[in-house]
Amino acid sequence: MTISRNGSRPTAKAPPEHFTGSVRVEILFQAKPPARAGAAYVTFEPCARSDWHTHPGDVVTVGPNEKHWHGATPTTAMTHIAIQESLDGKAVEWLEKVTDEQYSGSSRNLVDR
């Protein structure tokens, strides 16, 4: 058993080549073979978002290989716990950037609901 106390795990800025805005990642655990699952807290500050991407493994709320992105609203931060499975050592397939138009349209739709 491994215990990592709150505040003992490093937090890193998400790489700008796959994220827009201020995004922080705190790795909760990484898989050690033969396990394939890892997890992280990912926090998006207002207006921040990921690029479009897919995942090769089983995902609770997003189906395998379903194209999607994550992000905060223009005024509210968002944190999610990403638990994902790796397939052949890869947990994500990064795609194109989410455009400002796509982001604005999604944010407006969320507010209108």
Protein backbone atom coordinates (compact mmCIF):
# COMPACT_ATOMS: atom_id res chain seq x y z
CA MET A 1 0.00 0.00 0.00
CA THR A 2 1.21 3.47 -0.84
CA ILE A 3 -0.17 6.57 0.87
CA SER A 4 0.50 9.99 -0.61
CA ARG A 5 -0.61 12.69 1.78
CA ASN A 6 -2.54 15.72 0.58
CA GLY A 7 -0.07 18.44 -0.36
CA SER A 8 2.74 15.93 -0.93
CA ARG A 9 2.02 15.38 -4.64
CA PRO A 10 3.57 17.90 -7.03
CA THR A 11 1.32 20.06 -9.17
CA ALA A 12 2.50 21.01 -12.64
CA LYS A 13 1.30 23.44 -15.29
CA ALA A 14 -0.34 21.56 -18.14
CA PRO A 15 1.65 21.68 -21.40
CA PRO A 16 0.61 24.61 -23.64
CA GLU A 17 0.83 22.44 -26.75
CA HIS A 18 -2.36 20.64 -25.54
CA PHE A 19 -4.06 23.24 -23.32
CA THR A 20 -5.25 26.85 -23.67
CA GLY A 21 -5.15 29.07 -20.59
CA SER A 22 -4.14 28.20 -17.04
CA VAL A 23 -4.47 24.48 -16.28
CA ARG A 24 -2.86 22.59 -13.38
CA VAL A 25 -2.34 18.82 -13.15
CA GLU A 26 -1.77 16.89 -9.93
CA ILE A 27 -0.95 13.22 -10.59
CA LEU A 28 -2.80 11.05 -8.05
CA PHE A 29 -1.26 7.77 -9.21
CA GLN A 30 0.33 6.21 -12.27
CA ALA A 31 -0.06 2.63 -13.34
CA LYS A 32 2.72 0.15 -12.70
CA PRO A 33 2.51 -2.84 -15.07
CA PRO A 34 0.52 -4.97 -15.34
CA ALA A 35 -1.96 -2.29 -14.19
CA ARG A 36 -2.99 0.21 -16.87
CA ALA A 37 -4.98 2.91 -15.02
CA GLY A 38 -3.74 6.26 -13.76
CA ALA A 39 -5.48 9.28 -12.25
CA ALA A 40 -4.98 13.02 -11.83
CA TYR A 41 -6.78 16.10 -10.60
CA VAL A 42 -6.95 18.53 -13.51
CA THR A 43 -7.96 22.12 -12.67
CA PHE A 44 -8.99 24.59 -15.37
CA GLU A 45 -9.06 28.28 -14.45
CA PRO A 46 -11.78 30.41 -16.10
CA CYS A 47 -11.57 30.31 -19.92
CA ALA A 48 -9.02 27.45 -19.87
CA ARG A 49 -9.57 24.29 -21.90
CA SER A 50 -7.90 21.22 -23.35
CA ASP A 51 -7.45 20.37 -27.01
CA TRP A 52 -9.81 17.89 -28.63
CA HIS A 53 -8.69 14.37 -27.81
CA THR A 54 -9.69 10.71 -27.46
CA HIS A 55 -8.77 7.96 -25.00
CA PRO A 56 -7.97 4.37 -26.00
CA GLY A 57 -9.32 2.71 -22.84
CA ASP A 58 -12.53 2.40 -20.90
CA VAL A 59 -13.77 5.73 -19.51
CA VAL A 60 -16.73 6.21 -17.18
CA THR A 61 -18.35 9.29 -18.71
CA VAL A 62 -16.71 9.38 -22.15
CA GLY A 63 -16.72 6.34 -24.37
CA PRO A 64 -13.49 4.85 -25.72
CA ASN A 65 -12.16 6.90 -28.64
CA GLU A 66 -14.97 9.45 -28.30
CA LYS A 67 -13.66 12.88 -29.32
CA HIS A 68 -14.16 15.45 -26.55
CA TRP A 69 -12.57 18.31 -24.61
CA HIS A 70 -12.69 19.69 -21.07
CA GLY A 71 -12.76 23.28 -19.87
CA ALA A 72 -14.01 25.92 -17.49
CA THR A 73 -16.70 28.52 -18.15
CA PRO A 74 -15.60 32.11 -18.76
CA THR A 75 -16.28 32.95 -15.09
CA THR A 76 -15.90 29.71 -13.12
CA ALA A 77 -12.98 27.31 -12.62
CA MET A 78 -13.54 23.56 -13.05
CA THR A 79 -11.70 20.56 -11.61
CA HIS A 80 -12.20 17.00 -12.71
CA ILE A 81 -10.63 13.74 -11.64
CA ALA A 82 -9.27 12.03 -14.73
CA ILE A 83 -9.04 8.26 -14.31
CA GLN A 84 -7.91 6.72 -17.54
CA GLU A 85 -6.55 3.48 -18.84
CA SER A 86 -3.46 3.21 -21.00
CA LEU A 87 -3.33 0.99 -24.05
CA ASP A 88 0.14 0.13 -25.31
CA GLY A 89 1.55 2.77 -22.95
CA LYS A 90 -0.65 5.60 -24.25
CA ALA A 91 -3.56 7.18 -22.33
CA VAL A 92 -4.58 9.97 -24.72
CA GLU A 93 -4.53 10.79 -28.42
CA TRP A 94 -4.25 14.57 -28.78
CA LEU A 95 -6.07 16.18 -31.71
CA GLU A 96 -6.62 19.77 -32.85
CA LYS A 97 -7.13 22.85 -30.66
CA VAL A 98 -10.65 23.82 -29.57
CA THR A 99 -11.27 27.07 -31.42
CA ASP A 100 -12.49 30.20 -29.68
CA GLU A 101 -15.70 29.87 -31.70
CA GLN A 102 -16.24 26.27 -30.50
CA TYR A 103 -15.49 27.29 -26.91
CA SER A 104 -17.78 30.33 -27.04
CA GLY A 105 -20.60 28.31 -28.57
CA SER A 106 -20.28 25.58 -25.91
CA SER A 107 -20.12 28.08 -23.06
CA ARG A 108 -23.15 29.96 -24.34
CA ASN A 109 -25.08 26.69 -24.69
CA LEU A 110 -24.23 25.69 -21.13
CA VAL A 111 -25.35 29.04 -19.75
CA ASP A 112 -28.62 28.97 -21.74
CA ARG A 113 -29.64 25.54 -20.40
